[in-house]
Amino acid sequence: MYAIGLIEVNGFIAAVETLDAMLKTANVEFVTWEKKLGGRLVTIIIKGEVSAVQEAISNGKNKADKITRTVAHAVIPNPHSEIMRMINISAEKLLNAYGGEINEF
């Protein structure tokens, strides 16, 4: 079953470290992130199979708590289509901020 995972952390650096840990932990895909308060509060959204998302969120929380603190986290199995519409709007904003494409290393 498909799920989304959300984790909110304090600080941009902690968010990058958390995302790296989650992507290396399990077979999940980065969807988008939202930065608030000038990047002091960052919400990361991932997707994948429920068990993979649960594992990634757990490891991401552990990583974030070593750097700063996790503000909130959630795993939503089989998310409602309106939730996915809201997340897709956020992802489109992220792509548009980079001119519709993100350069790879």
PDB file of N, CA and C in Angstrom:
ATOM      1  N   MET A   1       0.838  -1.174   0.000  1.00  0.00           N
ATOM      2  CA  MET A   1       0.000   0.000   0.000  1.00  0.00           C
ATOM      3  C   MET A   1       0.888   1.244   0.000  1.00  0.00           C
ATOM      4  N   TYR A   2       0.441   2.239  -0.693  1.00  0.00           N
ATOM      5  CA  TYR A   2       1.143   3.508  -0.869  1.00  0.00           C
ATOM      6  C   TYR A   2       0.923   4.415   0.338  1.00  0.00           C
ATOM      7  N   ALA A   3       1.940   5.202   0.689  1.00  0.00           N
ATOM      8  CA  ALA A   3       1.833   6.133   1.810  1.00  0.00           C
ATOM      9  C   ALA A   3       2.674   7.370   1.543  1.00  0.00           C
ATOM     10  N   ILE A   4       2.352   8.437   2.273  1.00  0.00           N
ATOM     11  CA  ILE A   4       3.216   9.610   2.297  1.00  0.00           C
ATOM     12  C   ILE A   4       3.730   9.765   3.727  1.00  0.00           C
ATOM     13  N   GLY A   5       4.905  10.355   3.835  1.00  0.00           N
ATOM     14  CA  GLY A   5       5.477  10.634   5.136  1.00  0.00           C
ATOM     15  C   GLY A   5       5.858  12.093   5.201  1.00  0.00           C
ATOM     16  N   LEU A   6       5.616  12.707   6.340  1.00  0.00           N
ATOM     17  CA  LEU A   6       5.944  14.109   6.550  1.00  0.00           C
ATOM     18  C   LEU A   6       6.771  14.217   7.823  1.00  0.00           C
ATOM     19  N   ILE A   7       7.784  15.042   7.767  1.00  0.00           N
ATOM     20  CA  ILE A   7       8.576  15.317   8.961  1.00  0.00           C
ATOM     21  C   ILE A   7       8.936  16.790   8.948  1.00  0.00           C
ATOM     22  N   GLU A   8       8.759  17.426  10.079  1.00  0.00           N
ATOM     23  CA  GLU A   8       9.030  18.861  10.192  1.00  0.00           C
ATOM     24  C   GLU A   8      10.152  19.053  11.201  1.00  0.00           C
ATOM     25  N   VAL A   9      11.185  19.788  10.782  1.00  0.00           N
ATOM     26  CA  VAL A   9      12.362  19.984  11.625  1.00  0.00           C
ATOM     27  C   VAL A   9      12.719  21.466  11.696  1.00  0.00           C
ATOM     28  N   ASN A  10      13.518  21.789  12.677  1.00  0.00           N
ATOM     29  CA  ASN A  10      14.030  23.152  12.821  1.00  0.00           C
ATOM     30  C   ASN A  10      15.318  23.281  12.031  1.00  0.00           C
ATOM     31  N   GLY A  11      15.315  24.150  11.027  1.00  0.00           N
ATOM     32  CA  GLY A  11      16.537  24.485  10.313  1.00  0.00           C
ATOM     33  C   GLY A  11      16.739  23.762   8.999  1.00  0.00           C
ATOM     34  N   PHE A  12      17.314  24.500   8.072  1.00  0.00           N
ATOM     35  CA  PHE A  12      17.560  23.998   6.718  1.00  0.00           C
ATOM     36  C   PHE A  12      18.605  22.882   6.697  1.00  0.00           C
ATOM     37  N   ILE A  13      19.704  23.063   7.427  1.00  0.00           N
ATOM     38  CA  ILE A  13      20.768  22.048   7.449  1.00  0.00           C
ATOM     39  C   ILE A  13      20.231  20.747   8.017  1.00  0.00           C
ATOM     40  N   ALA A  14      19.475  20.832   9.098  1.00  0.00           N
ATOM     41  CA  ALA A  14      18.878  19.629   9.686  1.00  0.00           C
ATOM     42  C   ALA A  14      17.933  18.964   8.692  1.00  0.00           C
ATOM     43  N   ALA A  15      17.210  19.760   7.909  1.00  0.00           N
ATOM     44  CA  ALA A  15      16.291  19.213   6.915  1.00  0.00           C
ATOM     45  C   ALA A  15      17.042  18.438   5.835  1.00  0.00           C
ATOM     46  N   VAL A  16      18.151  18.987   5.372  1.00  0.00           N
ATOM     47  CA  VAL A  16      18.940  18.309   4.338  1.00  0.00           C
ATOM     48  C   VAL A  16      19.513  17.004   4.885  1.00  0.00           C
ATOM     49  N   GLU A  17      20.052  17.043   6.097  1.00  0.00           N
ATOM     50  CA  GLU A  17      20.594  15.831   6.723  1.00  0.00           C
ATOM     51  C   GLU A  17      19.493  14.790   6.938  1.00  0.00           C
ATOM     52  N   THR A  18      18.322  15.241   7.362  1.00  0.00           N
ATOM     53  CA  THR A  18      17.193  14.347   7.594  1.00  0.00           C
ATOM     54  C   THR A  18      16.738  13.698   6.296  1.00  0.00           C
ATOM     55  N   LEU A  19      16.606  14.500   5.244  1.00  0.00           N
ATOM     56  CA  LEU A  19      16.204  13.962   3.946  1.00  0.00           C
ATOM     57  C   LEU A  19      17.218  12.947   3.445  1.00  0.00           C
ATOM     58  N   ASP A  20      18.503  13.252   3.571  1.00  0.00           N
ATOM     59  CA  ASP A  20      19.549  12.325   3.150  1.00  0.00           C
ATOM     60  C   ASP A  20      19.424  10.995   3.891  1.00  0.00           C
ATOM     61  N   ALA A  21      19.213  11.058   5.192  1.00  0.00           N
ATOM     62  CA  ALA A  21      19.075   9.830   5.990  1.00  0.00           C
ATOM     63  C   ALA A  21      17.848   9.028   5.559  1.00  0.00           C
ATOM     64  N   MET A  22      16.745   9.711   5.290  1.00  0.00           N
ATOM     65  CA  MET A  22      15.522   9.005   4.892  1.00  0.00           C
ATOM     66  C   MET A  22      15.683   8.320   3.537  1.00  0.00           C
ATOM     67  N   LEU A  23      16.294   9.027   2.585  1.00  0.00           N
ATOM     68  CA  LEU A  23      16.449   8.454   1.249  1.00  0.00           C
ATOM     69  C   LEU A  23      17.431   7.285   1.233  1.00  0.00           C
ATOM     70  N   LYS A  24      18.403   7.304   2.142  1.00  0.00           N
ATOM     71  CA  LYS A  24      19.367   6.210   2.225  1.00  0.00           C
ATOM     72  C   LYS A  24      18.835   5.027   3.024  1.00  0.00           C
ATOM     73  N   THR A  25      17.806   5.248   3.809  1.00  0.00           N
ATOM     74  CA  THR A  25      17.259   4.224   4.691  1.00  0.00           C
ATOM     75  C   THR A  25      16.386   3.220   3.958  1.00  0.00           C
ATOM     76  N   ALA A  26      15.511   3.706   3.109  1.00  0.00           N
ATOM     77  CA  ALA A  26      14.492   2.850   2.512  1.00  0.00           C
ATOM     78  C   ALA A  26      14.182   3.316   1.096  1.00  0.00           C
ATOM     79  N   ASN A  27      13.435   2.504   0.397  1.00  0.00           N
ATOM     80  CA  ASN A  27      13.053   2.802  -0.982  1.00  0.00           C
ATOM     81  C   ASN A  27      11.885   3.795  -0.970  1.00  0.00           C
ATOM     82  N   VAL A  28      12.215   5.063  -0.738  1.00  0.00           N
ATOM     83  CA  VAL A  28      11.229   6.137  -0.737  1.00  0.00           C
ATOM     84  C   VAL A  28      11.679   7.208  -1.720  1.00  0.00           C
ATOM     85  N   GLU A  29      10.743   8.063  -2.073  1.00  0.00           N
ATOM     86  CA  GLU A  29      11.022   9.123  -3.043  1.00  0.00           C
ATOM     87  C   GLU A  29      10.694  10.479  -2.421  1.00  0.00           C
ATOM     88  N   PHE A  30      11.592  11.433  -2.611  1.00  0.00           N
ATOM     89  CA  PHE A  30      11.357  12.806  -2.175  1.00  0.00           C
ATOM     90  C   PHE A  30      10.274  13.409  -3.051  1.00  0.00           C
ATOM     91  N   VAL A  31       9.290  14.043  -2.437  1.00  0.00           N
ATOM     92  CA  VAL A  31       8.200  14.677  -3.183  1.00  0.00           C
ATOM     93  C   VAL A  31       8.391  16.188  -3.212  1.00  0.00           C
ATOM     94  N   THR A  32       8.503  16.803  -2.038  1.00  0.00           N
ATOM     95  CA  THR A  32       8.656  18.250  -1.951  1.00  0.00           C
ATOM     96  C   THR A  32       9.011  18.632  -0.517  1.00  0.00           C
ATOM     97  N   TRP A  33       9.267  19.912  -0.337  1.00  0.00           N
ATOM     98  CA  TRP A  33       9.414  20.446   1.013  1.00  0.00           C
ATOM     99  C   TRP A  33       8.870  21.837   1.048  1.00  0.00           C
ATOM    100  N   GLU A  34       8.524  22.262   2.235  1.00  0.00           N
ATOM    101  CA  GLU A  34       8.014  23.602   2.475  1.00  0.00           C
ATOM    102  C   GLU A  34       8.917  24.243   3.508  1.00  0.00           C
ATOM    103  N   LYS A  35       9.397  25.444   3.202  1.00  0.00           N
ATOM    104  CA  LYS A  35      10.216  26.198   4.153  1.00  0.00           C
ATOM    105  C   LYS A  35       9.394  27.359   4.679  1.00  0.00           C
ATOM    106  N   LYS A  36       9.356  27.491   5.981  1.00  0.00           N
ATOM    107  CA  LYS A  36       8.631  28.578   6.634  1.00  0.00           C
ATOM    108  C   LYS A  36       9.582  29.319   7.562  1.00  0.00           C
ATOM    109  N   LEU A  37       9.229  30.518   7.894  1.00  0.00           N
ATOM    110  CA  LEU A  37      10.022  31.344   8.815  1.00  0.00           C
ATOM    111  C   LEU A  37      11.461  31.492   8.329  1.00  0.00           C
ATOM    112  N   GLY A  38      11.619  31.727   7.037  1.00  0.00           N
ATOM    113  CA  GLY A  38      12.950  31.926   6.470  1.00  0.00           C
ATOM    114  C   GLY A  38      13.808  30.673   6.471  1.00  0.00           C
ATOM    115  N   GLY A  39      13.176  29.509   6.480  1.00  0.00           N
ATOM    116  CA  GLY A  39      13.914  28.254   6.484  1.00  0.00           C
ATOM    117  C   GLY A  39      14.183  27.716   7.877  1.00  0.00           C
ATOM    118  N   ARG A  40      13.687  28.416   8.882  1.00  0.00           N
ATOM    119  CA  ARG A  40      13.893  27.921  10.250  1.00  0.00           C
ATOM    120  C   ARG A  40      13.002  26.732  10.550  1.00  0.00           C
ATOM    121  N   LEU A  41      11.915  26.574   9.812  1.00  0.00           N
ATOM    122  CA  LEU A  41      11.011  25.445   9.971  1.00  0.00           C
ATOM    123  C   LEU A  41      10.817  24.822   8.593  1.00  0.00           C
ATOM    124  N   VAL A  42      11.176  23.559   8.454  1.00  0.00           N
ATOM    125  CA  VAL A  42      11.128  22.901   7.153  1.00  0.00           C
ATOM    126  C   VAL A  42      10.333  21.603   7.271  1.00  0.00           C
ATOM    127  N   THR A  43       9.358  21.425   6.382  1.00  0.00           N
ATOM    128  CA  THR A  43       8.580  20.200   6.311  1.00  0.00           C
ATOM    129  C   THR A  43       9.005  19.446   5.059  1.00  0.00           C
ATOM    130  N   ILE A  44       9.411  18.189   5.230  1.00  0.00           N
ATOM    131  CA  ILE A  44       9.840  17.337   4.127  1.00  0.00           C
ATOM    132  C   ILE A  44       8.751  16.296   3.885  1.00  0.00           C
ATOM    133  N   ILE A  45       8.433  16.054   2.614  1.00  0.00           N
ATOM    134  CA  ILE A  45       7.407  15.067   2.270  1.00  0.00           C
ATOM    135  C   ILE A  45       8.035  14.014   1.364  1.00  0.00           C
ATOM    136  N   ILE A  46       7.823  12.741   1.732  1.00  0.00           N
ATOM    137  CA  ILE A  46       8.308  11.610   0.947  1.00  0.00           C
ATOM    138  C   ILE A  46       7.137  10.692   0.625  1.00  0.00           C
ATOM    139  N   LYS A  47       7.360   9.754  -0.305  1.00  0.00           N
ATOM    140  CA  LYS A  47       6.309   8.776  -0.608  1.00  0.00           C
ATOM    141  C   LYS A  47       6.941   7.425  -0.880  1.00  0.00           C
ATOM    142  N   GLY A  48       6.119   6.391  -0.775  1.00  0.00           N
ATOM    143  CA  GLY A  48       6.568   5.028  -1.034  1.00  0.00           C
ATOM    144  C   GLY A  48       5.617   4.031  -0.399  1.00  0.00           C
ATOM    145  N   GLU A  49       6.066   2.792  -0.310  1.00  0.00           N
ATOM    146  CA  GLU A  49       5.276   1.771   0.369  1.00  0.00           C
ATOM    147  C   GLU A  49       5.217   2.108   1.859  1.00  0.00           C
ATOM    148  N   VAL A  50       4.129   1.718   2.521  1.00  0.00           N
ATOM    149  CA  VAL A  50       3.916   2.090   3.919  1.00  0.00           C
ATOM    150  C   VAL A  50       5.105   1.717   4.795  1.00  0.00           C
ATOM    151  N   SER A  51       5.579   0.482   4.717  1.00  0.00           N
ATOM    152  CA  SER A  51       6.680   0.048   5.582  1.00  0.00           C
ATOM    153  C   SER A  51       7.954   0.832   5.310  1.00  0.00           C
ATOM    154  N   ALA A  52       8.222   1.143   4.052  1.00  0.00           N
ATOM    155  CA  ALA A  52       9.418   1.916   3.702  1.00  0.00           C
ATOM    156  C   ALA A  52       9.309   3.342   4.238  1.00  0.00           C
ATOM    157  N   VAL A  53       8.132   3.931   4.112  1.00  0.00           N
ATOM    158  CA  VAL A  53       7.922   5.296   4.599  1.00  0.00           C
ATOM    159  C   VAL A  53       8.038   5.333   6.121  1.00  0.00           C
ATOM    160  N   GLN A  54       7.475   4.346   6.801  1.00  0.00           N
ATOM    161  CA  GLN A  54       7.584   4.293   8.259  1.00  0.00           C
ATOM    162  C   GLN A  54       9.036   4.201   8.703  1.00  0.00           C
ATOM    163  N   GLU A  55       9.798   3.342   8.040  1.00  0.00           N
ATOM    164  CA  GLU A  55      11.213   3.186   8.381  1.00  0.00           C
ATOM    165  C   GLU A  55      11.988   4.476   8.106  1.00  0.00           C
ATOM    166  N   ALA A  56      11.730   5.094   6.968  1.00  0.00           N
ATOM    167  CA  ALA A  56      12.430   6.325   6.608  1.00  0.00           C
ATOM    168  C   ALA A  56      12.108   7.453   7.581  1.00  0.00           C
ATOM    169  N   ILE A  57      10.844   7.609   7.944  1.00  0.00           N
ATOM    170  CA  ILE A  57      10.451   8.662   8.883  1.00  0.00           C
ATOM    171  C   ILE A  57      11.089   8.419  10.249  1.00  0.00           C
ATOM    172  N   SER A  58      11.109   7.180  10.693  1.00  0.00           N
ATOM    173  CA  SER A  58      11.722   6.851  11.980  1.00  0.00           C
ATOM    174  C   SER A  58      13.211   7.204  11.991  1.00  0.00           C
ATOM    175  N   ASN A  59      13.916   6.810  10.952  1.00  0.00           N
ATOM    176  CA  ASN A  59      15.346   7.123  10.870  1.00  0.00           C
ATOM    177  C   ASN A  59      15.588   8.614  10.659  1.00  0.00           C
ATOM    178  N   GLY A  60      14.722   9.260   9.889  1.00  0.00           N
ATOM    179  CA  GLY A  60      14.834  10.703   9.696  1.00  0.00           C
ATOM    180  C   GLY A  60      14.641  11.453  10.999  1.00  0.00           C
ATOM    181  N   LYS A  61      13.679  11.006  11.800  1.00  0.00           N
ATOM    182  CA  LYS A  61      13.439  11.629  13.111  1.00  0.00           C
ATOM    183  C   LYS A  61      14.661  11.454  14.010  1.00  0.00           C
ATOM    184  N   ASN A  62      15.235  10.269  14.021  1.00  0.00           N
ATOM    185  CA  ASN A  62      16.430  10.030  14.832  1.00  0.00           C
ATOM    186  C   ASN A  62      17.573  10.949  14.413  1.00  0.00           C
ATOM    187  N   LYS A  63      17.762  11.097  13.101  1.00  0.00           N
ATOM    188  CA  LYS A  63      18.826  11.962  12.584  1.00  0.00           C
ATOM    189  C   LYS A  63      18.567  13.420  12.968  1.00  0.00           C
ATOM    190  N   ALA A  64      17.341  13.879  12.760  1.00  0.00           N
ATOM    191  CA  ALA A  64      17.003  15.274  13.071  1.00  0.00           C
ATOM    192  C   ALA A  64      17.187  15.567  14.557  1.00  0.00           C
ATOM    193  N   ASP A  65      16.802  14.621  15.412  1.00  0.00           N
ATOM    194  CA  ASP A  65      16.913  14.836  16.851  1.00  0.00           C
ATOM    195  C   ASP A  65      18.365  14.911  17.316  1.00  0.00           C
ATOM    196  N   LYS A  66      19.297  14.371  16.542  1.00  0.00           N
ATOM    197  CA  LYS A  66      20.717  14.480  16.876  1.00  0.00           C
ATOM    198  C   LYS A  66      21.261  15.868  16.524  1.00  0.00           C
ATOM    199  N   ILE A  67      20.617  16.540  15.560  1.00  0.00           N
ATOM    200  CA  ILE A  67      21.091  17.843  15.087  1.00  0.00           C
ATOM    201  C   ILE A  67      20.328  18.975  15.775  1.00  0.00           C
ATOM    202  N   THR A  68      19.030  18.868  15.804  1.00  0.00           N
ATOM    203  CA  THR A  68      18.160  19.909  16.347  1.00  0.00           C
ATOM    204  C   THR A  68      17.020  19.210  17.061  1.00  0.00           C
ATOM    205  N   ARG A  69      15.815  19.353  16.569  1.00  0.00           N
ATOM    206  CA  ARG A  69      14.695  18.594  17.115  1.00  0.00           C
ATOM    207  C   ARG A  69      13.627  18.437  16.047  1.00  0.00           C
ATOM    208  N   THR A  70      12.933  17.330  16.125  1.00  0.00           N
ATOM    209  CA  THR A  70      11.805  17.097  15.240  1.00  0.00           C
ATOM    210  C   THR A  70      10.595  17.814  15.830  1.00  0.00           C
ATOM    211  N   VAL A  71       9.967  18.644  15.029  1.00  0.00           N
ATOM    212  CA  VAL A  71       8.789  19.372  15.485  1.00  0.00           C
ATOM    213  C   VAL A  71       7.562  18.473  15.418  1.00  0.00           C
ATOM    214  N   ALA A  72       7.416  17.741  14.305  1.00  0.00           N
ATOM    215  CA  ALA A  72       6.275  16.844  14.108  1.00  0.00           C
ATOM    216  C   ALA A  72       6.624  15.845  13.012  1.00  0.00           C
ATOM    217  N   HIS A  73       5.915  14.719  13.008  1.00  0.00           N
ATOM    218  CA  HIS A  73       6.092  13.740  11.942  1.00  0.00           C
ATOM    219  C   HIS A  73       4.809  12.920  11.806  1.00  0.00           C
ATOM    220  N   ALA A  74       4.582  12.381  10.605  1.00  0.00           N
ATOM    221  CA  ALA A  74       3.386  11.579  10.363  1.00  0.00           C
ATOM    222  C   ALA A  74       3.612  10.672   9.161  1.00  0.00           C
ATOM    223  N   VAL A  75       2.935   9.543   9.181  1.00  0.00           N
ATOM    224  CA  VAL A  75       2.856   8.644   8.040  1.00  0.00           C
ATOM    225  C   VAL A  75       1.376   8.483   7.731  1.00  0.00           C
ATOM    226  N   ILE A  76       1.003   8.723   6.485  1.00  0.00           N
ATOM    227  CA  ILE A  76      -0.406   8.636   6.088  1.00  0.00           C
ATOM    228  C   ILE A  76      -0.555   7.568   5.007  1.00  0.00           C
ATOM    229  N   PRO A  77      -1.023   6.382   5.382  1.00  0.00           N
ATOM    230  CA  PRO A  77      -1.267   5.347   4.378  1.00  0.00           C
ATOM    231  C   PRO A  77      -2.475   5.716   3.513  1.00  0.00           C
ATOM    232  N   ASN A  78      -2.389   5.400   2.241  1.00  0.00           N
ATOM    233  CA  ASN A  78      -3.487   5.627   1.310  1.00  0.00           C
ATOM    234  C   ASN A  78      -4.106   7.021   1.469  1.00  0.00           C
ATOM    235  N   PRO A  79      -3.305   8.076   1.254  1.00  0.00           N
ATOM    236  CA  PRO A  79      -3.809   9.436   1.480  1.00  0.00           C
ATOM    237  C   PRO A  79      -4.962   9.794   0.540  1.00  0.00           C
ATOM    238  N   HIS A  80      -5.861  10.604   1.054  1.00  0.00           N
ATOM    239  CA  HIS A  80      -7.014  11.068   0.281  1.00  0.00           C
ATOM    240  C   HIS A  80      -6.526  11.882  -0.916  1.00  0.00           C
ATOM    241  N   SER A  81      -7.273  11.882  -1.985  1.00  0.00           N
ATOM    242  CA  SER A  81      -6.873  12.590  -3.208  1.00  0.00           C
ATOM    243  C   SER A  81      -6.710  14.092  -2.978  1.00  0.00           C
ATOM    244  N   GLU A  82      -7.466  14.694  -2.061  1.00  0.00           N
ATOM    245  CA  GLU A  82      -7.324  16.123  -1.784  1.00  0.00           C
ATOM    246  C   GLU A  82      -5.995  16.422  -1.091  1.00  0.00           C
ATOM    247  N   ILE A  83      -5.527  15.492  -0.269  1.00  0.00           N
ATOM    248  CA  ILE A  83      -4.212  15.654   0.356  1.00  0.00           C
ATOM    249  C   ILE A  83      -3.146  15.639  -0.734  1.00  0.00           C
ATOM    250  N   MET A  84      -3.265  14.706  -1.656  1.00  0.00           N
ATOM    251  CA  MET A  84      -2.285  14.610  -2.743  1.00  0.00           C
ATOM    252  C   MET A  84      -2.354  15.835  -3.656  1.00  0.00           C
ATOM    253  N   ARG A  85      -3.530  16.386  -3.850  1.00  0.00           N
ATOM    254  CA  ARG A  85      -3.659  17.613  -4.657  1.00  0.00           C
ATOM    255  C   ARG A  85      -2.901  18.755  -3.988  1.00  0.00           C
ATOM    256  N   MET A  86      -3.043  18.880  -2.675  1.00  0.00           N
ATOM    257  CA  MET A  86      -2.342  19.930  -1.931  1.00  0.00           C
ATOM    258  C   MET A  86      -0.824  19.738  -2.019  1.00  0.00           C
ATOM    259  N   ILE A  87      -0.366  18.511  -1.891  1.00  0.00           N
ATOM    260  CA  ILE A  87       1.065  18.217  -1.963  1.00  0.00           C
ATOM    261  C   ILE A  87       1.593  18.483  -3.367  1.00  0.00           C
ATOM    262  N   ASN A  88       0.828  18.122  -4.374  1.00  0.00           N
ATOM    263  CA  ASN A  88       1.254  18.364  -5.756  1.00  0.00           C
ATOM    264  C   ASN A  88       1.364  19.858  -6.056  1.00  0.00           C
ATOM    265  N   ILE A  89       0.502  20.663  -5.476  1.00  0.00           N
ATOM    266  CA  ILE A  89       0.611  22.119  -5.642  1.00  0.00           C
ATOM    267  C   ILE A  89       1.936  22.602  -5.067  1.00  0.00           C
ATOM    268  N   SER A  90       2.296  22.091  -3.901  1.00  0.00           N
ATOM    269  CA  SER A  90       3.575  22.456  -3.277  1.00  0.00           C
ATOM    270  C   SER A  90       4.751  22.029  -4.151  1.00  0.00           C
ATOM    271  N   ALA A  91       4.682  20.809  -4.695  1.00  0.00           N
ATOM    272  CA  ALA A  91       5.767  20.303  -5.546  1.00  0.00           C
ATOM    273  C   ALA A  91       5.903  21.140  -6.811  1.00  0.00           C
ATOM    274  N   GLU A  92       4.779  21.560  -7.391  1.00  0.00           N
ATOM    275  CA  GLU A  92       4.824  22.406  -8.585  1.00  0.00           C
ATOM    276  C   GLU A  92       5.453  23.761  -8.282  1.00  0.00           C
ATOM    277  N   LYS A  93       5.146  24.323  -7.127  1.00  0.00           N
ATOM    278  CA  LYS A  93       5.755  25.596  -6.725  1.00  0.00           C
ATOM    279  C   LYS A  93       7.270  25.456  -6.629  1.00  0.00           C
ATOM    280  N   LEU A  94       7.723  24.341  -6.085  1.00  0.00           N
ATOM    281  CA  LEU A  94       9.159  24.099  -5.954  1.00  0.00           C
ATOM    282  C   LEU A  94       9.820  24.034  -7.333  1.00  0.00           C
ATOM    283  N   LEU A  95       9.205  23.310  -8.251  1.00  0.00           N
ATOM    284  CA  LEU A  95       9.762  23.231  -9.606  1.00  0.00           C
ATOM    285  C   LEU A  95       9.741  24.583 -10.300  1.00  0.00           C
ATOM    286  N   ASN A  96       8.655  25.321 -10.144  1.00  0.00           N
ATOM    287  CA  ASN A  96       8.561  26.639 -10.773  1.00  0.00           C
ATOM    288  C   ASN A  96       9.585  27.614 -10.210  1.00  0.00           C
ATOM    289  N   ALA A  97       9.928  27.458  -8.955  1.00  0.00           N
ATOM    290  CA  ALA A  97      10.936  28.329  -8.338  1.00  0.00           C
ATOM    291  C   ALA A  97      12.299  28.134  -8.988  1.00  0.00           C
ATOM    292  N   TYR A  98      12.511  26.958  -9.581  1.00  0.00           N
ATOM    293  CA  TYR A  98      13.782  26.651 -10.239  1.00  0.00           C
ATOM    294  C   TYR A  98      13.635  26.629 -11.755  1.00  0.00           C
ATOM    295  N   GLY A  99      12.645  27.356 -12.269  1.00  0.00           N
ATOM    296  CA  GLY A  99      12.456  27.464 -13.708  1.00  0.00           C
ATOM    297  C   GLY A  99      11.955  26.191 -14.361  1.00  0.00           C
ATOM    298  N   GLY A 100      11.249  25.347 -13.595  1.00  0.00           N
ATOM    299  CA  GLY A 100      10.688  24.133 -14.149  1.00  0.00           C
ATOM    300  C   GLY A 100      11.618  22.953 -14.183  1.00  0.00           C
ATOM    301  N   GLU A 101      12.856  23.141 -13.784  1.00  0.00           N
ATOM    302  CA  GLU A 101      13.783  22.015 -13.747  1.00  0.00           C
ATOM    303  C   GLU A 101      14.789  22.226 -12.629  1.00  0.00           C
ATOM    304  N   ILE A 102      15.295  21.118 -12.149  1.00  0.00           N
ATOM    305  CA  ILE A 102      16.317  21.167 -11.120  1.00  0.00           C
ATOM    306  C   ILE A 102      17.562  20.487 -11.679  1.00  0.00           C
ATOM    307  N   ASN A 103      18.647  21.202 -11.694  1.00  0.00           N
ATOM    308  CA  ASN A 103      19.895  20.650 -12.224  1.00  0.00           C
ATOM    309  C   ASN A 103      20.431  19.580 -11.314  1.00  0.00           C
ATOM    310  N   GLU A 104      20.897  18.502 -11.918  1.00  0.00           N
ATOM    311  CA  GLU A 104      21.481  17.416 -11.132  1.00  0.00           C
ATOM    312  C   GLU A 104      22.985  17.616 -11.052  1.00  0.00           C
ATOM    313  N   PHE A 105      23.595  17.042 -10.016  1.00  0.00           N
ATOM    314  CA  PHE A 105      25.046  17.107  -9.854  1.00  0.00           C
ATOM    315  C   PHE A 105      25.704  16.152 -10.805  1.00  0.00           C
TER     316      PHE A 105
END
